Structures are given as C-alpha cells and as structure tokens.
Amino acid sequence: MITFINRFEVTGPIDEFEAAFEETSAFFAAQPGFVAHRMLKHLNAPGRYVNVADWADEESFRRALGRPEFAVHRTALQKLGSSEPNLYAPLLERVAH
C-alpha cells in the first residue's frame, strides 16, 4: 500500500474548490487500486486543505493519473489554487485499544 498526500492552498472561491474536489474524489474512487481517502480542512486557515489517499500500489495510482479523464480534474483544481503532492510508504501505524 502507498499513501498519497496532497496539500492544497486555495486562492479561488472555496465553494468551487470543494465542488471540484468532490468530483475528483468520485473519479478516483472508481479507479482500480483506490482504497480510501480523507480530505482535511485546516481549522484556522481558510483555503488550506490536505488530501490523504491510500492506494493498493504505486502502479494503480499512476495509472489513474494517466487516464485522459483525469486531465479535466487536474485543470479544474489548478485553476483554484496550488498543491504539493507526494507519495509515501507506510512505516509505522498504531491504533487505540
């Protein structure tokens, strides 16, 4: 499993960004290898978001990004702000008992 983390700094209208991301979320959820994701909104800084997405493997993630349909989502989000995308591999996980 890999984890994709993308920090967003929204400079356009917040409601447009959230709607565009909702559509992007639906696109990714339908892709093979997608496991789950969470979009987090900063409590004290409007316009700051973090998307944390789990994928079965890097190949599935890259394949989803390479689909022509994704270009529409990428363009919509880029018009509304900037992002800092990165891939991570699990190192340690602990849950409450």
PDB file of N, CA and C in Angstrom:
ATOM      1  N   MET A   1       0.849  -1.180   0.000  1.00  0.00           N
ATOM      2  CA  MET A   1       0.000   0.000   0.000  1.00  0.00           C
ATOM      3  C   MET A   1       0.891   1.238   0.000  1.00  0.00           C
ATOM      4  N   ILE A   2       0.414   2.279  -0.673  1.00  0.00           N
ATOM      5  CA  ILE A   2       1.074   3.576  -0.648  1.00  0.00           C
ATOM      6  C   ILE A   2       0.054   4.625  -0.212  1.00  0.00           C
ATOM      7  N   THR A   3       0.566   5.740   0.277  1.00  0.00           N
ATOM      8  CA  THR A   3      -0.296   6.852   0.677  1.00  0.00           C
ATOM      9  C   THR A   3       0.113   8.086  -0.105  1.00  0.00           C
ATOM     10  N   PHE A   4      -0.873   8.709  -0.705  1.00  0.00           N
ATOM     11  CA  PHE A   4      -0.685   9.944  -1.453  1.00  0.00           C
ATOM     12  C   PHE A   4      -1.173  11.081  -0.567  1.00  0.00           C
ATOM     13  N   ILE A   5      -0.314  12.062  -0.339  1.00  0.00           N
ATOM     14  CA  ILE A   5      -0.693  13.225   0.461  1.00  0.00           C
ATOM     15  C   ILE A   5      -0.516  14.466  -0.401  1.00  0.00           C
ATOM     16  N   ASN A   6      -1.571  15.247  -0.486  1.00  0.00           N
ATOM     17  CA  ASN A   6      -1.551  16.445  -1.311  1.00  0.00           C
ATOM     18  C   ASN A   6      -2.078  17.613  -0.487  1.00  0.00           C
ATOM     19  N   ARG A   7      -1.213  18.609  -0.270  1.00  0.00           N
ATOM     20  CA  ARG A   7      -1.615  19.819   0.451  1.00  0.00           C
ATOM     21  C   ARG A   7      -2.060  20.856  -0.563  1.00  0.00           C
ATOM     22  N   PHE A   8      -3.203  21.468  -0.309  1.00  0.00           N
ATOM     23  CA  PHE A   8      -3.757  22.474  -1.203  1.00  0.00           C
ATOM     24  C   PHE A   8      -3.771  23.838  -0.515  1.00  0.00           C
ATOM     25  N   GLU A   9      -3.445  24.861  -1.288  1.00  0.00           N
ATOM     26  CA  GLU A   9      -3.602  26.258  -0.877  1.00  0.00           C
ATOM     27  C   GLU A   9      -4.563  26.865  -1.889  1.00  0.00           C
ATOM     28  N   VAL A  10      -5.804  27.075  -1.471  1.00  0.00           N
ATOM     29  CA  VAL A  10      -6.849  27.543  -2.378  1.00  0.00           C
ATOM     30  C   VAL A  10      -6.821  29.066  -2.455  1.00  0.00           C
ATOM     31  N   THR A  11      -6.751  29.573  -3.688  1.00  0.00           N
ATOM     32  CA  THR A  11      -6.752  31.017  -3.907  1.00  0.00           C
ATOM     33  C   THR A  11      -8.040  31.474  -4.588  1.00  0.00           C
ATOM     34  N   GLY A  12      -8.782  30.526  -5.137  1.00  0.00           N
ATOM     35  CA  GLY A  12     -10.069  30.833  -5.764  1.00  0.00           C
ATOM     36  C   GLY A  12     -11.197  30.658  -4.764  1.00  0.00           C
ATOM     37  N   PRO A  13     -12.420  30.707  -5.240  1.00  0.00           N
ATOM     38  CA  PRO A  13     -13.577  30.530  -4.355  1.00  0.00           C
ATOM     39  C   PRO A  13     -13.566  29.141  -3.688  1.00  0.00           C
ATOM     40  N   ILE A  14     -13.705  29.129  -2.373  1.00  0.00           N
ATOM     41  CA  ILE A  14     -13.663  27.890  -1.590  1.00  0.00           C
ATOM     42  C   ILE A  14     -14.753  26.913  -2.042  1.00  0.00           C
ATOM     43  N   ASP A  15     -15.967  27.412  -2.254  1.00  0.00           N
ATOM     44  CA  ASP A  15     -17.053  26.512  -2.641  1.00  0.00           C
ATOM     45  C   ASP A  15     -16.787  25.853  -3.994  1.00  0.00           C
ATOM     46  N   GLU A  16     -16.152  26.564  -4.914  1.00  0.00           N
ATOM     47  CA  GLU A  16     -15.809  25.982  -6.215  1.00  0.00           C
ATOM     48  C   GLU A  16     -14.740  24.905  -6.050  1.00  0.00           C
ATOM     49  N   PHE A  17     -13.750  25.167  -5.182  1.00  0.00           N
ATOM     50  CA  PHE A  17     -12.709  24.165  -4.934  1.00  0.00           C
ATOM     51  C   PHE A  17     -13.318  22.899  -4.338  1.00  0.00           C
ATOM     52  N   GLU A  18     -14.160  23.057  -3.335  1.00  0.00           N
ATOM     53  CA  GLU A  18     -14.753  21.896  -2.681  1.00  0.00           C
ATOM     54  C   GLU A  18     -15.622  21.096  -3.658  1.00  0.00           C
ATOM     55  N   ALA A  19     -16.342  21.769  -4.531  1.00  0.00           N
ATOM     56  CA  ALA A  19     -17.153  21.071  -5.538  1.00  0.00           C
ATOM     57  C   ALA A  19     -16.261  20.347  -6.546  1.00  0.00           C
ATOM     58  N   ALA A  20     -15.189  21.009  -6.985  1.00  0.00           N
ATOM     59  CA  ALA A  20     -14.261  20.383  -7.936  1.00  0.00           C
ATOM     60  C   ALA A  20     -13.584  19.182  -7.300  1.00  0.00           C
ATOM     61  N   PHE A  21     -13.226  19.302  -6.016  1.00  0.00           N
ATOM     62  CA  PHE A  21     -12.580  18.168  -5.368  1.00  0.00           C
ATOM     63  C   PHE A  21     -13.556  17.017  -5.172  1.00  0.00           C
ATOM     64  N   GLU A  22     -14.797  17.317  -4.910  1.00  0.00           N
ATOM     65  CA  GLU A  22     -15.813  16.261  -4.784  1.00  0.00           C
ATOM     66  C   GLU A  22     -15.897  15.447  -6.078  1.00  0.00           C
ATOM     67  N   GLU A  23     -15.843  16.115  -7.212  1.00  0.00           N
ATOM     68  CA  GLU A  23     -15.862  15.415  -8.499  1.00  0.00           C
ATOM     69  C   GLU A  23     -14.585  14.601  -8.696  1.00  0.00           C
ATOM     70  N   THR A  24     -13.456  15.158  -8.300  1.00  0.00           N
ATOM     71  CA  THR A  24     -12.185  14.436  -8.389  1.00  0.00           C
ATOM     72  C   THR A  24     -12.207  13.218  -7.490  1.00  0.00           C
ATOM     73  N   SER A  25     -12.770  13.358  -6.320  1.00  0.00           N
ATOM     74  CA  SER A  25     -12.885  12.248  -5.379  1.00  0.00           C
ATOM     75  C   SER A  25     -13.683  11.097  -5.995  1.00  0.00           C
ATOM     76  N   ALA A  26     -14.797  11.422  -6.635  1.00  0.00           N
ATOM     77  CA  ALA A  26     -15.620  10.391  -7.274  1.00  0.00           C
ATOM     78  C   ALA A  26     -14.851   9.699  -8.394  1.00  0.00           C
ATOM     79  N   PHE A  27     -14.081  10.472  -9.153  1.00  0.00           N
ATOM     80  CA  PHE A  27     -13.261   9.885 -10.218  1.00  0.00           C
ATOM     81  C   PHE A  27     -12.282   8.869  -9.637  1.00  0.00           C
ATOM     82  N   PHE A  28     -11.532   9.272  -8.610  1.00  0.00           N
ATOM     83  CA  PHE A  28     -10.535   8.365  -8.037  1.00  0.00           C
ATOM     84  C   PHE A  28     -11.176   7.148  -7.386  1.00  0.00           C
ATOM     85  N   ALA A  29     -12.290   7.332  -6.721  1.00  0.00           N
ATOM     86  CA  ALA A  29     -12.951   6.219  -6.034  1.00  0.00           C
ATOM     87  C   ALA A  29     -13.348   5.117  -7.009  1.00  0.00           C
ATOM     88  N   ALA A  30     -13.538   5.448  -8.264  1.00  0.00           N
ATOM     89  CA  ALA A  30     -13.932   4.465  -9.270  1.00  0.00           C
ATOM     90  C   ALA A  30     -12.738   3.774  -9.935  1.00  0.00           C
ATOM     91  N   GLN A  31     -11.520   4.161  -9.550  1.00  0.00           N
ATOM     92  CA  GLN A  31     -10.334   3.608 -10.203  1.00  0.00           C
ATOM     93  C   GLN A  31      -9.844   2.337  -9.515  1.00  0.00           C
ATOM     94  N   PRO A  32      -9.374   1.356 -10.288  1.00  0.00           N
ATOM     95  CA  PRO A  32      -8.793   0.144  -9.700  1.00  0.00           C
ATOM     96  C   PRO A  32      -7.593   0.492  -8.819  1.00  0.00           C
ATOM     97  N   GLY A  33      -7.527  -0.108  -7.658  1.00  0.00           N
ATOM     98  CA  GLY A  33      -6.417   0.126  -6.740  1.00  0.00           C
ATOM     99  C   GLY A  33      -6.683   1.197  -5.705  1.00  0.00           C
ATOM    100  N   PHE A  34      -7.734   1.990  -5.896  1.00  0.00           N
ATOM    101  CA  PHE A  34      -8.077   3.010  -4.903  1.00  0.00           C
ATOM    102  C   PHE A  34      -8.611   2.309  -3.659  1.00  0.00           C
ATOM    103  N   VAL A  35      -8.144   2.737  -2.484  1.00  0.00           N
ATOM    104  CA  VAL A  35      -8.598   2.140  -1.228  1.00  0.00           C
ATOM    105  C   VAL A  35      -9.532   3.098  -0.499  1.00  0.00           C
ATOM    106  N   ALA A  36      -9.054   4.289  -0.194  1.00  0.00           N
ATOM    107  CA  ALA A  36      -9.848   5.274   0.558  1.00  0.00           C
ATOM    108  C   ALA A  36      -9.098   6.604   0.577  1.00  0.00           C
ATOM    109  N   HIS A  37      -9.830   7.661   0.920  1.00  0.00           N
ATOM    110  CA  HIS A  37      -9.151   8.944   1.138  1.00  0.00           C
ATOM    111  C   HIS A  37      -9.943   9.788   2.122  1.00  0.00           C
ATOM    112  N   ARG A  38      -9.245  10.763   2.656  1.00  0.00           N
ATOM    113  CA  ARG A  38      -9.857  11.758   3.545  1.00  0.00           C
ATOM    114  C   ARG A  38      -9.375  13.120   3.106  1.00  0.00           C
ATOM    115  N   MET A  39     -10.294  14.075   3.027  1.00  0.00           N
ATOM    116  CA  MET A  39      -9.931  15.461   2.757  1.00  0.00           C
ATOM    117  C   MET A  39     -10.074  16.198   4.071  1.00  0.00           C
ATOM    118  N   LEU A  40      -9.019  16.847   4.475  1.00  0.00           N
ATOM    119  CA  LEU A  40      -8.999  17.579   5.738  1.00  0.00           C
ATOM    120  C   LEU A  40      -8.945  19.073   5.462  1.00  0.00           C
ATOM    121  N   LYS A  41      -9.714  19.833   6.227  1.00  0.00           N
ATOM    122  CA  LYS A  41      -9.761  21.289   6.086  1.00  0.00           C
ATOM    123  C   LYS A  41      -9.125  21.904   7.331  1.00  0.00           C
ATOM    124  N   HIS A  42      -8.195  22.800   7.117  1.00  0.00           N
ATOM    125  CA  HIS A  42      -7.499  23.455   8.230  1.00  0.00           C
ATOM    126  C   HIS A  42      -8.506  24.195   9.106  1.00  0.00           C
ATOM    127  N   LEU A  43      -8.371  24.063  10.411  1.00  0.00           N
ATOM    128  CA  LEU A  43      -9.322  24.689  11.329  1.00  0.00           C
ATOM    129  C   LEU A  43      -9.209  26.210  11.393  1.00  0.00           C
ATOM    130  N   ASN A  44      -7.993  26.724  11.240  1.00  0.00           N
ATOM    131  CA  ASN A  44      -7.782  28.160  11.449  1.00  0.00           C
ATOM    132  C   ASN A  44      -7.282  28.911  10.224  1.00  0.00           C
ATOM    133  N   ALA A  45      -7.130  28.224   9.113  1.00  0.00           N
ATOM    134  CA  ALA A  45      -6.619  28.879   7.909  1.00  0.00           C
ATOM    135  C   ALA A  45      -7.515  28.517   6.725  1.00  0.00           C
ATOM    136  N   PRO A  46      -8.510  29.344   6.459  1.00  0.00           N
ATOM    137  CA  PRO A  46      -9.392  29.069   5.321  1.00  0.00           C
ATOM    138  C   PRO A  46      -8.565  28.936   4.042  1.00  0.00           C
ATOM    139  N   GLY A  47      -8.917  27.964   3.246  1.00  0.00           N
ATOM    140  CA  GLY A  47      -8.208  27.759   1.991  1.00  0.00           C
ATOM    141  C   GLY A  47      -7.089  26.739   2.056  1.00  0.00           C
ATOM    142  N   ARG A  48      -6.831  26.205   3.225  1.00  0.00           N
ATOM    143  CA  ARG A  48      -5.800  25.166   3.349  1.00  0.00           C
ATOM    144  C   ARG A  48      -6.472  23.816   3.570  1.00  0.00           C
ATOM    145  N   TYR A  49      -6.081  22.857   2.735  1.00  0.00           N
ATOM    146  CA  TYR A  49      -6.641  21.508   2.776  1.00  0.00           C
ATOM    147  C   TYR A  49      -5.516  20.489   2.639  1.00  0.00           C
ATOM    148  N   VAL A  50      -5.788  19.282   3.123  1.00  0.00           N
ATOM    149  CA  VAL A  50      -4.874  18.163   2.926  1.00  0.00           C
ATOM    150  C   VAL A  50      -5.706  16.949   2.536  1.00  0.00           C
ATOM    151  N   ASN A  51      -5.326  16.338   1.428  1.00  0.00           N
ATOM    152  CA  ASN A  51      -5.948  15.098   0.986  1.00  0.00           C
ATOM    153  C   ASN A  51      -4.995  13.954   1.316  1.00  0.00           C
ATOM    154  N   VAL A  52      -5.500  12.930   1.996  1.00  0.00           N
ATOM    155  CA  VAL A  52      -4.714  11.744   2.339  1.00  0.00           C
ATOM    156  C   VAL A  52      -5.424  10.559   1.692  1.00  0.00           C
ATOM    157  N   ALA A  53      -4.763   9.934   0.718  1.00  0.00           N
ATOM    158  CA  ALA A  53      -5.387   8.847  -0.040  1.00  0.00           C
ATOM    159  C   ALA A  53      -4.528   7.591   0.007  1.00  0.00           C
ATOM    160  N   ASP A  54      -5.165   6.469   0.245  1.00  0.00           N
ATOM    161  CA  ASP A  54      -4.473   5.178   0.238  1.00  0.00           C
ATOM    162  C   ASP A  54      -4.781   4.457  -1.061  1.00  0.00           C
ATOM    163  N   TRP A  55      -3.749   3.881  -1.634  1.00  0.00           N
ATOM    164  CA  TRP A  55      -3.839   3.116  -2.874  1.00  0.00           C
ATOM    165  C   TRP A  55      -3.194   1.758  -2.662  1.00  0.00           C
ATOM    166  N   ALA A  56      -3.653   0.785  -3.404  1.00  0.00           N
ATOM    167  CA  ALA A  56      -3.104  -0.567  -3.288  1.00  0.00           C
ATOM    168  C   ALA A  56      -1.616  -0.587  -3.624  1.00  0.00           C
ATOM    169  N   ASP A  57      -1.226   0.193  -4.634  1.00  0.00           N
ATOM    170  CA  ASP A  57       0.173   0.237  -5.055  1.00  0.00           C
ATOM    171  C   ASP A  57       0.410   1.474  -5.917  1.00  0.00           C
ATOM    172  N   GLU A  58       1.672   1.786  -6.138  1.00  0.00           N
ATOM    173  CA  GLU A  58       2.020   2.975  -6.914  1.00  0.00           C
ATOM    174  C   GLU A  58       1.562   2.845  -8.364  1.00  0.00           C
ATOM    175  N   GLU A  59       1.627   1.654  -8.915  1.00  0.00           N
ATOM    176  CA  GLU A  59       1.221   1.446 -10.300  1.00  0.00           C
ATOM    177  C   GLU A  59      -0.250   1.819 -10.512  1.00  0.00           C
ATOM    178  N   SER A  60      -1.112   1.412  -9.602  1.00  0.00           N
ATOM    179  CA  SER A  60      -2.541   1.758  -9.708  1.00  0.00           C
ATOM    180  C   SER A  60      -2.734   3.265  -9.642  1.00  0.00           C
ATOM    181  N   PHE A  61      -2.022   3.910  -8.736  1.00  0.00           N
ATOM    182  CA  PHE A  61      -2.115   5.360  -8.586  1.00  0.00           C
ATOM    183  C   PHE A  61      -1.675   6.055  -9.872  1.00  0.00           C
ATOM    184  N   ARG A  62      -0.540   5.667 -10.391  1.00  0.00           N
ATOM    185  CA  ARG A  62       0.000   6.287 -11.609  1.00  0.00           C
ATOM    186  C   ARG A  62      -0.920   6.035 -12.814  1.00  0.00           C
ATOM    187  N   ARG A  63      -1.491   4.857 -12.873  1.00  0.00           N
ATOM    188  CA  ARG A  63      -2.411   4.530 -13.963  1.00  0.00           C
ATOM    189  C   ARG A  63      -3.634   5.459 -13.915  1.00  0.00           C
ATOM    190  N   ALA A  64      -4.153   5.706 -12.713  1.00  0.00           N
ATOM    191  CA  ALA A  64      -5.303   6.610 -12.563  1.00  0.00           C
ATOM    192  C   ALA A  64      -4.938   8.032 -13.003  1.00  0.00           C
ATOM    193  N   LEU A  65      -3.751   8.490 -12.614  1.00  0.00           N
ATOM    194  CA  LEU A  65      -3.317   9.829 -13.021  1.00  0.00           C
ATOM    195  C   LEU A  65      -3.145   9.939 -14.528  1.00  0.00           C
ATOM    196  N   GLY A  66      -2.782   8.832 -15.153  1.00  0.00           N
ATOM    197  CA  GLY A  66      -2.539   8.837 -16.586  1.00  0.00           C
ATOM    198  C   GLY A  66      -3.788   8.737 -17.451  1.00  0.00           C
ATOM    199  N   ARG A  67      -4.914   8.489 -16.841  1.00  0.00           N
ATOM    200  CA  ARG A  67      -6.152   8.386 -17.625  1.00  0.00           C
ATOM    201  C   ARG A  67      -6.504   9.762 -18.197  1.00  0.00           C
ATOM    202  N   PRO A  68      -6.897   9.824 -19.460  1.00  0.00           N
ATOM    203  CA  PRO A  68      -7.226  11.117 -20.073  1.00  0.00           C
ATOM    204  C   PRO A  68      -8.309  11.882 -19.309  1.00  0.00           C
ATOM    205  N   GLU A  69      -9.248  11.166 -18.696  1.00  0.00           N
ATOM    206  CA  GLU A  69     -10.328  11.815 -17.957  1.00  0.00           C
ATOM    207  C   GLU A  69      -9.820  12.612 -16.753  1.00  0.00           C
ATOM    208  N   PHE A  70      -8.651  12.242 -16.232  1.00  0.00           N
ATOM    209  CA  PHE A  70      -8.130  12.948 -15.062  1.00  0.00           C
ATOM    210  C   PHE A  70      -7.701  14.376 -15.402  1.00  0.00           C
ATOM    211  N   ALA A  71      -7.313  14.630 -16.637  1.00  0.00           N
ATOM    212  CA  ALA A  71      -6.846  15.962 -17.031  1.00  0.00           C
ATOM    213  C   ALA A  71      -7.868  17.043 -16.703  1.00  0.00           C
ATOM    214  N   VAL A  72      -9.138  16.745 -16.870  1.00  0.00           N
ATOM    215  CA  VAL A  72     -10.199  17.712 -16.566  1.00  0.00           C
ATOM    216  C   VAL A  72     -10.182  18.068 -15.084  1.00  0.00           C
ATOM    217  N   HIS A  73     -10.017  17.068 -14.226  1.00  0.00           N
ATOM    218  CA  HIS A  73      -9.987  17.300 -12.779  1.00  0.00           C
ATOM    219  C   HIS A  73      -8.743  18.096 -12.381  1.00  0.00           C
ATOM    220  N   ARG A  74      -7.602  17.710 -12.931  1.00  0.00           N
ATOM    221  CA  ARG A  74      -6.348  18.415 -12.624  1.00  0.00           C
ATOM    222  C   ARG A  74      -6.466  19.890 -12.986  1.00  0.00           C
ATOM    223  N   THR A  75      -6.979  20.165 -14.181  1.00  0.00           N
ATOM    224  CA  THR A  75      -7.113  21.552 -14.648  1.00  0.00           C
ATOM    225  C   THR A  75      -8.044  22.354 -13.746  1.00  0.00           C
ATOM    226  N   ALA A  76      -9.165  21.769 -13.372  1.00  0.00           N
ATOM    227  CA  ALA A  76     -10.136  22.468 -12.513  1.00  0.00           C
ATOM    228  C   ALA A  76      -9.518  22.835 -11.178  1.00  0.00           C
ATOM    229  N   LEU A  77      -8.785  21.913 -10.568  1.00  0.00           N
ATOM    230  CA  LEU A  77      -8.172  22.185  -9.264  1.00  0.00           C
ATOM    231  C   LEU A  77      -7.033  23.195  -9.383  1.00  0.00           C
ATOM    232  N   GLN A  78      -6.243  23.102 -10.444  1.00  0.00           N
ATOM    233  CA  GLN A  78      -5.123  24.038 -10.620  1.00  0.00           C
ATOM    234  C   GLN A  78      -5.592  25.465 -10.824  1.00  0.00           C
ATOM    235  N   LYS A  79      -6.760  25.649 -11.387  1.00  0.00           N
ATOM    236  CA  LYS A  79      -7.305  26.997 -11.585  1.00  0.00           C
ATOM    237  C   LYS A  79      -7.692  27.650 -10.262  1.00  0.00           C
ATOM    238  N   LEU A  80      -7.909  26.831  -9.231  1.00  0.00           N
ATOM    239  CA  LEU A  80      -8.414  27.346  -7.959  1.00  0.00           C
ATOM    240  C   LEU A  80      -7.350  27.457  -6.879  1.00  0.00           C
ATOM    241  N   GLY A  81      -6.126  27.028  -7.176  1.00  0.00           N
ATOM    242  CA  GLY A  81      -5.073  27.132  -6.172  1.00  0.00           C
ATOM    243  C   GLY A  81      -3.870  26.295  -6.541  1.00  0.00           C
ATOM    244  N   SER A  82      -2.984  26.122  -5.570  1.00  0.00           N
ATOM    245  CA  SER A  82      -1.776  25.342  -5.781  1.00  0.00           C
ATOM    246  C   SER A  82      -1.797  24.110  -4.885  1.00  0.00           C
ATOM    247  N   SER A  83      -0.940  23.147  -5.219  1.00  0.00           N
ATOM    248  CA  SER A  83      -0.885  21.940  -4.408  1.00  0.00           C
ATOM    249  C   SER A  83       0.547  21.439  -4.300  1.00  0.00           C
ATOM    250  N   GLU A  84       0.752  20.583  -3.312  1.00  0.00           N
ATOM    251  CA  GLU A  84       2.059  19.965  -3.076  1.00  0.00           C
ATOM    252  C   GLU A  84       1.838  18.460  -2.911  1.00  0.00           C
ATOM    253  N   PRO A  85       1.861  17.713  -4.028  1.00  0.00           N
ATOM    254  CA  PRO A  85       1.592  16.273  -3.977  1.00  0.00           C
ATOM    255  C   PRO A  85       2.847  15.444  -3.709  1.00  0.00           C
ATOM    256  N   ASN A  86       2.705  14.393  -2.892  1.00  0.00           N
ATOM    257  CA  ASN A  86       3.819  13.488  -2.592  1.00  0.00           C
ATOM    258  C   ASN A  86       3.291  12.097  -2.283  1.00  0.00           C
ATOM    259  N   LEU A  87       4.103  11.081  -2.570  1.00  0.00           N
ATOM    260  CA  LEU A  87       3.787   9.694  -2.243  1.00  0.00           C
ATOM    261  C   LEU A  87       4.605   9.245  -1.044  1.00  0.00           C
ATOM    262  N   TYR A  88       3.980   8.419  -0.199  1.00  0.00           N
ATOM    263  CA  TYR A  88       4.639   7.901   0.997  1.00  0.00           C
ATOM    264  C   TYR A  88       4.390   6.410   1.118  1.00  0.00           C
ATOM    265  N   ALA A  89       5.328   5.730   1.761  1.00  0.00           N
ATOM    266  CA  ALA A  89       5.174   4.311   2.066  1.00  0.00           C
ATOM    267  C   ALA A  89       4.950   4.179   3.573  1.00  0.00           C
ATOM    268  N   PRO A  90       4.129   3.229   3.987  1.00  0.00           N
ATOM    269  CA  PRO A  90       3.883   3.042   5.427  1.00  0.00           C
ATOM    270  C   PRO A  90       5.164   2.699   6.172  1.00  0.00           C
ATOM    271  N   LEU A  91       5.315   3.261   7.342  1.00  0.00           N
ATOM    272  CA  LEU A  91       6.452   2.956   8.203  1.00  0.00           C
ATOM    273  C   LEU A  91       5.973   2.417   9.540  1.00  0.00           C
ATOM    274  N   LEU A  92       5.007   3.101  10.145  1.00  0.00           N
ATOM    275  CA  LEU A  92       4.515   2.719  11.455  1.00  0.00           C
ATOM    276  C   LEU A  92       3.048   3.138  11.576  1.00  0.00           C
ATOM    277  N   GLU A  93       2.251   2.276  12.152  1.00  0.00           N
ATOM    278  CA  GLU A  93       0.855   2.619  12.419  1.00  0.00           C
ATOM    279  C   GLU A  93       0.468   2.048  13.771  1.00  0.00           C
ATOM    280  N   ARG A  94      -0.179   2.857  14.565  1.00  0.00           N
ATOM    281  CA  ARG A  94      -0.651   2.438  15.874  1.00  0.00           C
ATOM    282  C   ARG A  94      -2.078   2.914  16.040  1.00  0.00           C
ATOM    283  N   VAL A  95      -2.922   2.076  16.580  1.00  0.00           N
ATOM    284  CA  VAL A  95      -4.301   2.454  16.824  1.00  0.00           C
ATOM    285  C   VAL A  95      -4.619   2.292  18.295  1.00  0.00           C
ATOM    286  N   ALA A  96      -5.627   3.015  18.753  1.00  0.00           N
ATOM    287  CA  ALA A  96      -6.038   2.922  20.161  1.00  0.00           C
ATOM    288  C   ALA A  96      -6.650   1.545  20.439  1.00  0.00           C
ATOM    289  N   HIS A  97      -6.519   1.100  21.636  1.00  0.00           N
ATOM    290  CA  HIS A  97      -7.083  -0.213  22.014  1.00  0.00           C
ATOM    291  C   HIS A  97      -8.483  -0.050  22.501  1.00  0.00           C
TER     292      HIS A  97
END
